[in-house]
Structures are given as structure tokens and as C-alpha cells.
Amino acid sequence: SAFAGLSADTPFYNIVLGLVMLAGRFGVILPVLAIAGSLAAKPAVP
């Protein structure tokens, strides 16, 4: 979603916002999967 008063269809915003979207999605997924793998390898404790 957006505050549509910003003219975002410029090379600056298209490229920078695209890079931010990539980091915001996959930069979070990678550590989440690392946690998943780490916990899966651990034995359960009562």
C-alpha cells in the first residue's frame, strides 16, 4: 500500500524500492530457515 502523493515511477524509486523489497522478503526468510534447521537438529527436552 502507499501514500499515493509520492511520484514513485522514477528510476530512483523503482530500483531502490525493488532492492528494499528483495531484502525485506528474503533477508527475513533466510534467518527463519536457519532457525528451523537448528531447532530440527535439537533433541526434545521434557
All heavy atoms as atom14 arrays in JSON, in Angstrom:
{
  "sequence": "SAFAGLSADTPFYNIVLGLVMLAGRFGVILPVLAIAGSLAAKPAVP",
  "atom14_mask": [
    [1, 1, 1, 1, 1, 1, 0, 0, 0, 0, 0, 0, 0, 0],
    [1, 1, 1, 1, 1, 0, 0, 0, 0, 0, 0, 0, 0, 0],
    [1, 1, 1, 1, 1, 1, 1, 1, 1, 1, 1, 0, 0, 0],
    [1, 1, 1, 1, 1, 0, 0, 0, 0, 0, 0, 0, 0, 0],
    [1, 1, 1, 1, 0, 0, 0, 0, 0, 0, 0, 0, 0, 0],
    [1, 1, 1, 1, 1, 1, 1, 1, 0, 0, 0, 0, 0, 0],
    [1, 1, 1, 1, 1, 1, 0, 0, 0, 0, 0, 0, 0, 0],
    [1, 1, 1, 1, 1, 0, 0, 0, 0, 0, 0, 0, 0, 0],
    [1, 1, 1, 1, 1, 1, 1, 1, 0, 0, 0, 0, 0, 0],
    [1, 1, 1, 1, 1, 1, 1, 0, 0, 0, 0, 0, 0, 0],
    [1, 1, 1, 1, 1, 1, 1, 0, 0, 0, 0, 0, 0, 0],
    [1, 1, 1, 1, 1, 1, 1, 1, 1, 1, 1, 0, 0, 0],
    [1, 1, 1, 1, 1, 1, 1, 1, 1, 1, 1, 1, 0, 0],
    [1, 1, 1, 1, 1, 1, 1, 1, 0, 0, 0, 0, 0, 0],
    [1, 1, 1, 1, 1, 1, 1, 1, 0, 0, 0, 0, 0, 0],
    [1, 1, 1, 1, 1, 1, 1, 0, 0, 0, 0, 0, 0, 0],
    [1, 1, 1, 1, 1, 1, 1, 1, 0, 0, 0, 0, 0, 0],
    [1, 1, 1, 1, 0, 0, 0, 0, 0, 0, 0, 0, 0, 0],
    [1, 1, 1, 1, 1, 1, 1, 1, 0, 0, 0, 0, 0, 0],
    [1, 1, 1, 1, 1, 1, 1, 0, 0, 0, 0, 0, 0, 0],
    [1, 1, 1, 1, 1, 1, 1, 1, 0, 0, 0, 0, 0, 0],
    [1, 1, 1, 1, 1, 1, 1, 1, 0, 0, 0, 0, 0, 0],
    [1, 1, 1, 1, 1, 0, 0, 0, 0, 0, 0, 0, 0, 0],
    [1, 1, 1, 1, 0, 0, 0, 0, 0, 0, 0, 0, 0, 0],
    [1, 1, 1, 1, 1, 1, 1, 1, 1, 1, 1, 0, 0, 0],
    [1, 1, 1, 1, 1, 1, 1, 1, 1, 1, 1, 0, 0, 0],
    [1, 1, 1, 1, 0, 0, 0, 0, 0, 0, 0, 0, 0, 0],
    [1, 1, 1, 1, 1, 1, 1, 0, 0, 0, 0, 0, 0, 0],
    [1, 1, 1, 1, 1, 1, 1, 1, 0, 0, 0, 0, 0, 0],
    [1, 1, 1, 1, 1, 1, 1, 1, 0, 0, 0, 0, 0, 0],
    [1, 1, 1, 1, 1, 1, 1, 0, 0, 0, 0, 0, 0, 0],
    [1, 1, 1, 1, 1, 1, 1, 0, 0, 0, 0, 0, 0, 0],
    [1, 1, 1, 1, 1, 1, 1, 1, 0, 0, 0, 0, 0, 0],
    [1, 1, 1, 1, 1, 0, 0, 0, 0, 0, 0, 0, 0, 0],
    [1, 1, 1, 1, 1, 1, 1, 1, 0, 0, 0, 0, 0, 0],
    [1, 1, 1, 1, 1, 0, 0, 0, 0, 0, 0, 0, 0, 0],
    [1, 1, 1, 1, 0, 0, 0, 0, 0, 0, 0, 0, 0, 0],
    [1, 1, 1, 1, 1, 1, 0, 0, 0, 0, 0, 0, 0, 0],
    [1, 1, 1, 1, 1, 1, 1, 1, 0, 0, 0, 0, 0, 0],
    [1, 1, 1, 1, 1, 0, 0, 0, 0, 0, 0, 0, 0, 0],
    [1, 1, 1, 1, 1, 0, 0, 0, 0, 0, 0, 0, 0, 0],
    [1, 1, 1, 1, 1, 1, 1, 1, 1, 0, 0, 0, 0, 0],
    [1, 1, 1, 1, 1, 1, 1, 0, 0, 0, 0, 0, 0, 0],
    [1, 1, 1, 1, 1, 0, 0, 0, 0, 0, 0, 0, 0, 0],
    [1, 1, 1, 1, 1, 1, 1, 0, 0, 0, 0, 0, 0, 0],
    [1, 1, 1, 1, 1, 1, 1, 0, 0, 0, 0, 0, 0, 0]
  ],
  "atom14_positions": [
    [[0.85, -1.19, 0.0], [0.0, 0.0, 0.0], [0.88, 1.24, 0.0], [2.09, 1.16, 0.21], [-0.93, 0.0, 1.22], [-0.18, 0.03, 2.42], [0.0, 0.0, 0.0], [0.0, 0.0, 0.0], [0.0, 0.0, 0.0], [0.0, 0.0, 0.0], [0.0, 0.0, 0.0], [0.0, 0.0, 0.0], [0.0, 0.0, 0.0], [0.0, 0.0, 0.0]],
    [[0.28, 2.41, -0.23], [1.1, 3.61, -0.4], [0.33, 4.86, -0.02], [-0.9, 4.88, -0.05], [1.57, 3.73, -1.85], [0.0, 0.0, 0.0], [0.0, 0.0, 0.0], [0.0, 0.0, 0.0], [0.0, 0.0, 0.0], [0.0, 0.0, 0.0], [0.0, 0.0, 0.0], [0.0, 0.0, 0.0], [0.0, 0.0, 0.0], [0.0, 0.0, 0.0]],
    [[1.06, 5.9, 0.37], [0.56, 7.26, 0.36], [0.78, 7.76, -1.06], [1.9, 8.1, -1.45], [1.34, 8.13, 1.34], [0.83, 8.09, 2.76], [-0.08, 7.15, 3.17], [1.27, 9.01, 3.69], [-0.54, 7.1, 4.46], [0.83, 8.99, 5.0], [-0.09, 8.03, 5.39], [0.0, 0.0, 0.0], [0.0, 0.0, 0.0], [0.0, 0.0, 0.0]],
    [[-0.28, 7.81, -1.84], [-0.12, 7.95, -3.28], [0.32, 9.34, -3.72], [0.46, 9.59, -4.91], [-1.43, 7.58, -3.98], [0.0, 0.0, 0.0], [0.0, 0.0, 0.0], [0.0, 0.0, 0.0], [0.0, 0.0, 0.0], [0.0, 0.0, 0.0], [0.0, 0.0, 0.0], [0.0, 0.0, 0.0], [0.0, 0.0, 0.0], [0.0, 0.0, 0.0]],
    [[0.57, 10.24, -2.78], [1.09, 11.55, -3.18], [2.53, 11.52, -3.62], [3.05, 12.51, -4.1], [0.0, 0.0, 0.0], [0.0, 0.0, 0.0], [0.0, 0.0, 0.0], [0.0, 0.0, 0.0], [0.0, 0.0, 0.0], [0.0, 0.0, 0.0], [0.0, 0.0, 0.0], [0.0, 0.0, 0.0], [0.0, 0.0, 0.0], [0.0, 0.0, 0.0]],
    [[3.2, 10.37, -3.45], [4.59, 10.22, -3.85], [4.66, 9.75, -5.3], [4.05, 8.74, -5.66], [5.3, 9.22, -2.95], [6.78, 8.96, -3.23], [7.61, 10.18, -2.85], [7.26, 7.74, -2.48], [0.0, 0.0, 0.0], [0.0, 0.0, 0.0], [0.0, 0.0, 0.0], [0.0, 0.0, 0.0], [0.0, 0.0, 0.0], [0.0, 0.0, 0.0]],
    [[5.41, 10.46, -6.15], [5.61, 10.04, -7.54], [6.72, 9.0, -7.56], [7.91, 9.33, -7.6], [5.98, 11.24, -8.41], [4.9, 12.14, -8.5], [0.0, 0.0, 0.0], [0.0, 0.0, 0.0], [0.0, 0.0, 0.0], [0.0, 0.0, 0.0], [0.0, 0.0, 0.0], [0.0, 0.0, 0.0], [0.0, 0.0, 0.0], [0.0, 0.0, 0.0]],
    [[6.33, 7.73, -7.53], [7.3, 6.65, -7.36], [7.76, 6.04, -8.67], [8.67, 5.2, -8.67], [6.71, 5.56, -6.47], [0.0, 0.0, 0.0], [0.0, 0.0, 0.0], [0.0, 0.0, 0.0], [0.0, 0.0, 0.0], [0.0, 0.0, 0.0], [0.0, 0.0, 0.0], [0.0, 0.0, 0.0], [0.0, 0.0, 0.0], [0.0, 0.0, 0.0]],
    [[7.15, 6.43, -9.81], [7.55, 5.84, -11.08], [8.73, 6.61, -11.66], [8.63, 7.28, -12.7], [6.37, 5.83, -12.06], [6.69, 5.05, -13.33], [7.74, 4.38, -13.36], [5.9, 5.13, -14.29], [0.0, 0.0, 0.0], [0.0, 0.0, 0.0], [0.0, 0.0, 0.0], [0.0, 0.0, 0.0], [0.0, 0.0, 0.0], [0.0, 0.0, 0.0]],
    [[9.85, 6.55, -10.97], [11.1, 7.14, -11.43], [12.19, 6.07, -11.3], [12.04, 5.13, -10.52], [11.49, 8.36, -10.58], [11.76, 7.93, -9.22], [10.37, 9.4, -10.56], [0.0, 0.0, 0.0], [0.0, 0.0, 0.0], [0.0, 0.0, 0.0], [0.0, 0.0, 0.0], [0.0, 0.0, 0.0], [0.0, 0.0, 0.0], [0.0, 0.0, 0.0]],
    [[13.27, 6.18, -12.06], [14.33, 5.17, -11.92], [14.83, 5.01, -10.49], [15.09, 3.89, -10.03], [15.43, 5.7, -12.85], [14.69, 6.49, -13.88], [13.54, 7.12, -13.16], [0.0, 0.0, 0.0], [0.0, 0.0, 0.0], [0.0, 0.0, 0.0], [0.0, 0.0, 0.0], [0.0, 0.0, 0.0], [0.0, 0.0, 0.0], [0.0, 0.0, 0.0]],
    [[14.94, 6.12, -9.75], [15.44, 6.04, -8.37], [14.53, 5.17, -7.52], [14.97, 4.22, -6.88], [15.54, 7.45, -7.77], [15.87, 7.45, -6.31], [17.18, 7.32, -5.86], [14.85, 7.56, -5.36], [17.48, 7.31, -4.51], [15.14, 7.55, -4.0], [16.46, 7.43, -3.57], [0.0, 0.0, 0.0], [0.0, 0.0, 0.0], [0.0, 0.0, 0.0]],
    [[13.24, 5.53, -7.48], [12.33, 4.79, -6.59], [12.09, 3.37, -7.09], [11.97, 2.43, -6.29], [11.01, 5.55, -6.45], [11.08, 6.68, -5.45], [11.06, 8.01, -5.89], [11.21, 6.43, -4.1], [11.15, 9.05, -4.97], [11.29, 7.47, -3.18], [11.26, 8.78, -3.62], [11.35, 9.81, -2.72], [0.0, 0.0, 0.0], [0.0, 0.0, 0.0]],
    [[12.0, 3.17, -8.39], [11.77, 1.82, -8.9], [12.92, 0.87, -8.52], [12.69, -0.28, -8.13], [11.6, 1.84, -10.42], [10.21, 2.3, -10.84], [9.24, 2.09, -10.12], [10.11, 2.94, -11.99], [0.0, 0.0, 0.0], [0.0, 0.0, 0.0], [0.0, 0.0, 0.0], [0.0, 0.0, 0.0], [0.0, 0.0, 0.0], [0.0, 0.0, 0.0]],
    [[14.15, 1.36, -8.62], [15.3, 0.49, -8.33], [15.5, 0.33, -6.83], [15.64, -0.79, -6.32], [16.57, 1.06, -9.0], [16.44, 0.97, -10.52], [17.81, 0.3, -8.54], [17.55, 1.68, -11.28], [0.0, 0.0, 0.0], [0.0, 0.0, 0.0], [0.0, 0.0, 0.0], [0.0, 0.0, 0.0], [0.0, 0.0, 0.0], [0.0, 0.0, 0.0]],
    [[15.48, 1.45, -6.09], [15.75, 1.37, -4.65], [14.64, 0.62, -3.93], [14.91, -0.24, -3.08], [15.94, 2.79, -4.06], [16.12, 2.71, -2.54], [17.14, 3.47, -4.7], [0.0, 0.0, 0.0], [0.0, 0.0, 0.0], [0.0, 0.0, 0.0], [0.0, 0.0, 0.0], [0.0, 0.0, 0.0], [0.0, 0.0, 0.0], [0.0, 0.0, 0.0]],
    [[13.39, 0.91, -4.25], [12.29, 0.19, -3.62], [12.32, -1.3, -3.99], [12.0, -2.16, -3.17], [10.95, 0.8, -4.02], [10.61, 2.15, -3.4], [9.33, 2.71, -4.0], [10.47, 2.05, -1.88], [0.0, 0.0, 0.0], [0.0, 0.0, 0.0], [0.0, 0.0, 0.0], [0.0, 0.0, 0.0], [0.0, 0.0, 0.0], [0.0, 0.0, 0.0]],
    [[12.73, -1.61, -5.23], [12.85, -3.02, -5.6], [13.89, -3.75, -4.77], [13.66, -4.88, -4.31], [0.0, 0.0, 0.0], [0.0, 0.0, 0.0], [0.0, 0.0, 0.0], [0.0, 0.0, 0.0], [0.0, 0.0, 0.0], [0.0, 0.0, 0.0], [0.0, 0.0, 0.0], [0.0, 0.0, 0.0], [0.0, 0.0, 0.0], [0.0, 0.0, 0.0]],
    [[15.03, -3.11, -4.53], [16.07, -3.72, -3.7], [15.61, -3.87, -2.26], [15.9, -4.88, -1.6], [17.35, -2.86, -3.76], [18.03, -2.79, -5.13], [19.2, -1.8, -5.09], [18.52, -4.16, -5.58], [0.0, 0.0, 0.0], [0.0, 0.0, 0.0], [0.0, 0.0, 0.0], [0.0, 0.0, 0.0], [0.0, 0.0, 0.0], [0.0, 0.0, 0.0]],
    [[14.87, -2.88, -1.76], [14.34, -2.96, -0.4], [13.34, -4.1, -0.27], [13.32, -4.83, 0.74], [13.71, -1.61, 0.0], [12.91, -1.74, 1.3], [14.77, -0.55, 0.16], [0.0, 0.0, 0.0], [0.0, 0.0, 0.0], [0.0, 0.0, 0.0], [0.0, 0.0, 0.0], [0.0, 0.0, 0.0], [0.0, 0.0, 0.0], [0.0, 0.0, 0.0]],
    [[12.5, -4.29, -1.29], [11.54, -5.4, -1.25], [12.24, -6.75, -1.22], [11.83, -7.66, -0.48], [10.6, -5.31, -2.47], [9.56, -4.22, -2.38], [8.37, -4.26, -3.75], [9.2, -3.27, -4.98], [0.0, 0.0, 0.0], [0.0, 0.0, 0.0], [0.0, 0.0, 0.0], [0.0, 0.0, 0.0], [0.0, 0.0, 0.0], [0.0, 0.0, 0.0]],
    [[13.29, -6.9, -2.0], [14.05, -8.16, -2.0], [14.64, -8.44, -0.62], [14.54, -9.55, -0.1], [15.16, -8.1, -3.05], [14.75, -8.3, -4.51], [15.93, -8.0, -5.43], [14.25, -9.72, -4.74], [0.0, 0.0, 0.0], [0.0, 0.0, 0.0], [0.0, 0.0, 0.0], [0.0, 0.0, 0.0], [0.0, 0.0, 0.0], [0.0, 0.0, 0.0]],
    [[15.27, -7.41, -0.03], [15.88, -7.59, 1.29], [14.82, -7.84, 2.36], [15.03, -8.68, 3.26], [16.71, -6.36, 1.65], [0.0, 0.0, 0.0], [0.0, 0.0, 0.0], [0.0, 0.0, 0.0], [0.0, 0.0, 0.0], [0.0, 0.0, 0.0], [0.0, 0.0, 0.0], [0.0, 0.0, 0.0], [0.0, 0.0, 0.0], [0.0, 0.0, 0.0]],
    [[13.69, -7.14, 2.26], [12.64, -7.31, 3.26], [12.02, -8.7, 3.23], [11.56, -9.2, 4.27], [0.0, 0.0, 0.0], [0.0, 0.0, 0.0], [0.0, 0.0, 0.0], [0.0, 0.0, 0.0], [0.0, 0.0, 0.0], [0.0, 0.0, 0.0], [0.0, 0.0, 0.0], [0.0, 0.0, 0.0], [0.0, 0.0, 0.0], [0.0, 0.0, 0.0]],
    [[11.99, -9.34, 2.06], [11.41, -10.68, 1.96], [12.45, -11.77, 2.27], [12.31, -12.52, 3.22], [10.85, -10.88, 0.54], [10.17, -12.23, 0.29], [8.89, -12.39, 1.07], [8.07, -13.48, 0.52], [6.91, -13.85, 1.03], [6.43, -13.23, 2.1], [6.2, -14.84, 0.51], [0.0, 0.0, 0.0], [0.0, 0.0, 0.0], [0.0, 0.0, 0.0]],
    [[13.49, -11.81, 1.47], [14.44, -12.93, 1.58], [15.45, -12.72, 2.7], [16.0, -13.69, 3.22], [15.13, -13.15, 0.24], [14.16, -13.5, -0.85], [13.87, -12.6, -1.85], [13.52, -14.73, -0.86], [12.95, -12.91, -2.86], [12.62, -15.05, -1.85], [12.33, -14.15, -2.85], [0.0, 0.0, 0.0], [0.0, 0.0, 0.0], [0.0, 0.0, 0.0]],
    [[15.69, -11.45, 3.09], [16.56, -11.2, 4.23], [15.97, -11.69, 5.53], [16.7, -11.94, 6.49], [0.0, 0.0, 0.0], [0.0, 0.0, 0.0], [0.0, 0.0, 0.0], [0.0, 0.0, 0.0], [0.0, 0.0, 0.0], [0.0, 0.0, 0.0], [0.0, 0.0, 0.0], [0.0, 0.0, 0.0], [0.0, 0.0, 0.0], [0.0, 0.0, 0.0]],
    [[14.66, -11.83, 5.58], [13.98, -12.38, 6.76], [13.82, -13.9, 6.63], [13.99, -14.64, 7.61], [12.61, -11.71, 6.96], [11.83, -12.38, 8.1], [12.79, -10.22, 7.25], [0.0, 0.0, 0.0], [0.0, 0.0, 0.0], [0.0, 0.0, 0.0], [0.0, 0.0, 0.0], [0.0, 0.0, 0.0], [0.0, 0.0, 0.0], [0.0, 0.0, 0.0]],
    [[13.53, -14.37, 5.43], [13.31, -15.81, 5.24], [14.57, -16.61, 5.56], [14.5, -17.69, 6.18], [12.83, -16.08, 3.8], [11.37, -15.67, 3.64], [13.01, -17.56, 3.42], [10.83, -15.84, 2.25], [0.0, 0.0, 0.0], [0.0, 0.0, 0.0], [0.0, 0.0, 0.0], [0.0, 0.0, 0.0], [0.0, 0.0, 0.0], [0.0, 0.0, 0.0]],
    [[15.73, -16.12, 5.16], [16.97, -16.89, 5.37], [17.24, -17.16, 6.85], [17.49, -18.32, 7.22], [18.14, -16.16, 4.71], [18.15, -16.2, 3.17], [19.28, -15.33, 2.63], [18.3, -17.63, 2.67], [0.0, 0.0, 0.0], [0.0, 0.0, 0.0], [0.0, 0.0, 0.0], [0.0, 0.0, 0.0], [0.0, 0.0, 0.0], [0.0, 0.0, 0.0]],
    [[17.22, -16.16, 7.74], [17.42, -16.49, 9.15], [16.3, -17.34, 9.74], [16.54, -18.14, 10.65], [17.51, -15.12, 9.84], [16.97, -14.15, 8.88], [17.22, -14.71, 7.52], [0.0, 0.0, 0.0], [0.0, 0.0, 0.0], [0.0, 0.0, 0.0], [0.0, 0.0, 0.0], [0.0, 0.0, 0.0], [0.0, 0.0, 0.0], [0.0, 0.0, 0.0]],
    [[15.08, -17.18, 9.25], [13.98, -18.03, 9.73], [14.25, -19.5, 9.4], [14.08, -20.39, 10.24], [12.64, -17.57, 9.12], [11.54, -18.62, 9.37], [12.21, -16.24, 9.72], [0.0, 0.0, 0.0], [0.0, 0.0, 0.0], [0.0, 0.0, 0.0], [0.0, 0.0, 0.0], [0.0, 0.0, 0.0], [0.0, 0.0, 0.0], [0.0, 0.0, 0.0]],
    [[14.71, -19.76, 8.18], [15.04, -21.14, 7.81], [16.25, -21.65, 8.58], [16.34, -22.85, 8.9], [15.3, -21.22, 6.3], [14.09, -21.01, 5.4], [14.49, -21.03, 3.94], [13.01, -22.07, 5.67], [0.0, 0.0, 0.0], [0.0, 0.0, 0.0], [0.0, 0.0, 0.0], [0.0, 0.0, 0.0], [0.0, 0.0, 0.0], [0.0, 0.0, 0.0]],
    [[17.19, -20.76, 8.89], [18.34, -21.18, 9.71], [17.87, -21.61, 11.1], [18.36, -22.6, 11.65], [19.34, -20.03, 9.81], [0.0, 0.0, 0.0], [0.0, 0.0, 0.0], [0.0, 0.0, 0.0], [0.0, 0.0, 0.0], [0.0, 0.0, 0.0], [0.0, 0.0, 0.0], [0.0, 0.0, 0.0], [0.0, 0.0, 0.0], [0.0, 0.0, 0.0]],
    [[16.93, -20.87, 11.67], [16.37, -21.25, 12.97], [15.65, -22.59, 12.87], [15.78, -23.46, 13.74], [15.4, -20.16, 13.47], [16.18, -18.88, 13.79], [14.64, -20.63, 14.7], [15.3, -17.69, 14.11], [0.0, 0.0, 0.0], [0.0, 0.0, 0.0], [0.0, 0.0, 0.0], [0.0, 0.0, 0.0], [0.0, 0.0, 0.0], [0.0, 0.0, 0.0]],
    [[14.89, -22.77, 11.78], [14.16, -24.03, 11.59], [15.11, -25.22, 11.56], [14.89, -26.24, 12.22], [13.34, -23.97, 10.3], [0.0, 0.0, 0.0], [0.0, 0.0, 0.0], [0.0, 0.0, 0.0], [0.0, 0.0, 0.0], [0.0, 0.0, 0.0], [0.0, 0.0, 0.0], [0.0, 0.0, 0.0], [0.0, 0.0, 0.0], [0.0, 0.0, 0.0]],
    [[16.2, -25.09, 10.8], [17.17, -26.18, 10.72], [17.85, -26.45, 12.03], [18.09, -27.61, 12.41], [0.0, 0.0, 0.0], [0.0, 0.0, 0.0], [0.0, 0.0, 0.0], [0.0, 0.0, 0.0], [0.0, 0.0, 0.0], [0.0, 0.0, 0.0], [0.0, 0.0, 0.0], [0.0, 0.0, 0.0], [0.0, 0.0, 0.0], [0.0, 0.0, 0.0]],
    [[18.18, -25.37, 12.76], [18.84, -25.54, 14.05], [17.93, -26.24, 15.06], [18.37, -27.16, 15.77], [19.27, -24.17, 14.59], [19.82, -24.28, 15.88], [0.0, 0.0, 0.0], [0.0, 0.0, 0.0], [0.0, 0.0, 0.0], [0.0, 0.0, 0.0], [0.0, 0.0, 0.0], [0.0, 0.0, 0.0], [0.0, 0.0, 0.0], [0.0, 0.0, 0.0]],
    [[16.67, -25.83, 15.12], [15.75, -26.45, 16.07], [15.44, -27.89, 15.7], [15.27, -28.75, 16.59], [14.46, -25.64, 16.15], [14.57, -24.24, 16.77], [13.23, -23.52, 16.71], [15.06, -24.32, 18.21], [0.0, 0.0, 0.0], [0.0, 0.0, 0.0], [0.0, 0.0, 0.0], [0.0, 0.0, 0.0], [0.0, 0.0, 0.0], [0.0, 0.0, 0.0]],
    [[15.35, -28.19, 14.4], [15.05, -29.55, 13.98], [16.14, -30.52, 14.41], [15.86, -31.7, 14.68], [14.87, -29.61, 12.46], [0.0, 0.0, 0.0], [0.0, 0.0, 0.0], [0.0, 0.0, 0.0], [0.0, 0.0, 0.0], [0.0, 0.0, 0.0], [0.0, 0.0, 0.0], [0.0, 0.0, 0.0], [0.0, 0.0, 0.0], [0.0, 0.0, 0.0]],
    [[17.38, -30.06, 14.47], [18.51, -30.93, 14.84], [18.63, -31.13, 16.34], [19.43, -31.97, 16.78], [19.81, -30.34, 14.29], [0.0, 0.0, 0.0], [0.0, 0.0, 0.0], [0.0, 0.0, 0.0], [0.0, 0.0, 0.0], [0.0, 0.0, 0.0], [0.0, 0.0, 0.0], [0.0, 0.0, 0.0], [0.0, 0.0, 0.0], [0.0, 0.0, 0.0]],
    [[17.86, -30.39, 17.13], [17.99, -30.48, 18.58], [17.06, -31.55, 19.15], [15.92, -31.7, 18.67], [17.67, -29.13, 19.23], [18.69, -28.05, 18.94], [18.37, -26.78, 19.7], [19.44, -25.73, 19.47], [19.21, -24.5, 20.25], [0.0, 0.0, 0.0], [0.0, 0.0, 0.0], [0.0, 0.0, 0.0], [0.0, 0.0, 0.0], [0.0, 0.0, 0.0]],
    [[17.5, -32.26, 20.16], [16.6, -33.22, 20.82], [15.57, -32.49, 21.66], [15.8, -31.37, 22.14], [17.55, -34.04, 21.7], [18.69, -33.09, 21.99], [18.85, -32.25, 20.76], [0.0, 0.0, 0.0], [0.0, 0.0, 0.0], [0.0, 0.0, 0.0], [0.0, 0.0, 0.0], [0.0, 0.0, 0.0], [0.0, 0.0, 0.0], [0.0, 0.0, 0.0]],
    [[14.43, -33.1, 21.81], [13.38, -32.52, 22.65], [13.72, -32.73, 24.11], [14.28, -33.76, 24.5], [12.03, -33.16, 22.32], [0.0, 0.0, 0.0], [0.0, 0.0, 0.0], [0.0, 0.0, 0.0], [0.0, 0.0, 0.0], [0.0, 0.0, 0.0], [0.0, 0.0, 0.0], [0.0, 0.0, 0.0], [0.0, 0.0, 0.0], [0.0, 0.0, 0.0]],
    [[13.42, -31.75, 24.93], [13.66, -31.85, 26.37], [12.31, -31.85, 27.08], [11.41, -31.11, 26.7], [14.54, -30.68, 26.86], [15.92, -30.76, 26.25], [13.91, -29.33, 26.55], [0.0, 0.0, 0.0], [0.0, 0.0, 0.0], [0.0, 0.0, 0.0], [0.0, 0.0, 0.0], [0.0, 0.0, 0.0], [0.0, 0.0, 0.0], [0.0, 0.0, 0.0]],
    [[12.14, -32.67, 28.1], [10.86, -32.7, 28.81], [10.66, -31.43, 29.61], [11.64, -30.79, 30.05], [11.0, -33.92, 29.73], [12.47, -34.08, 29.92], [13.1, -33.65, 28.64], [0.0, 0.0, 0.0], [0.0, 0.0, 0.0], [0.0, 0.0, 0.0], [0.0, 0.0, 0.0], [0.0, 0.0, 0.0], [0.0, 0.0, 0.0], [0.0, 0.0, 0.0]]
  ]
}
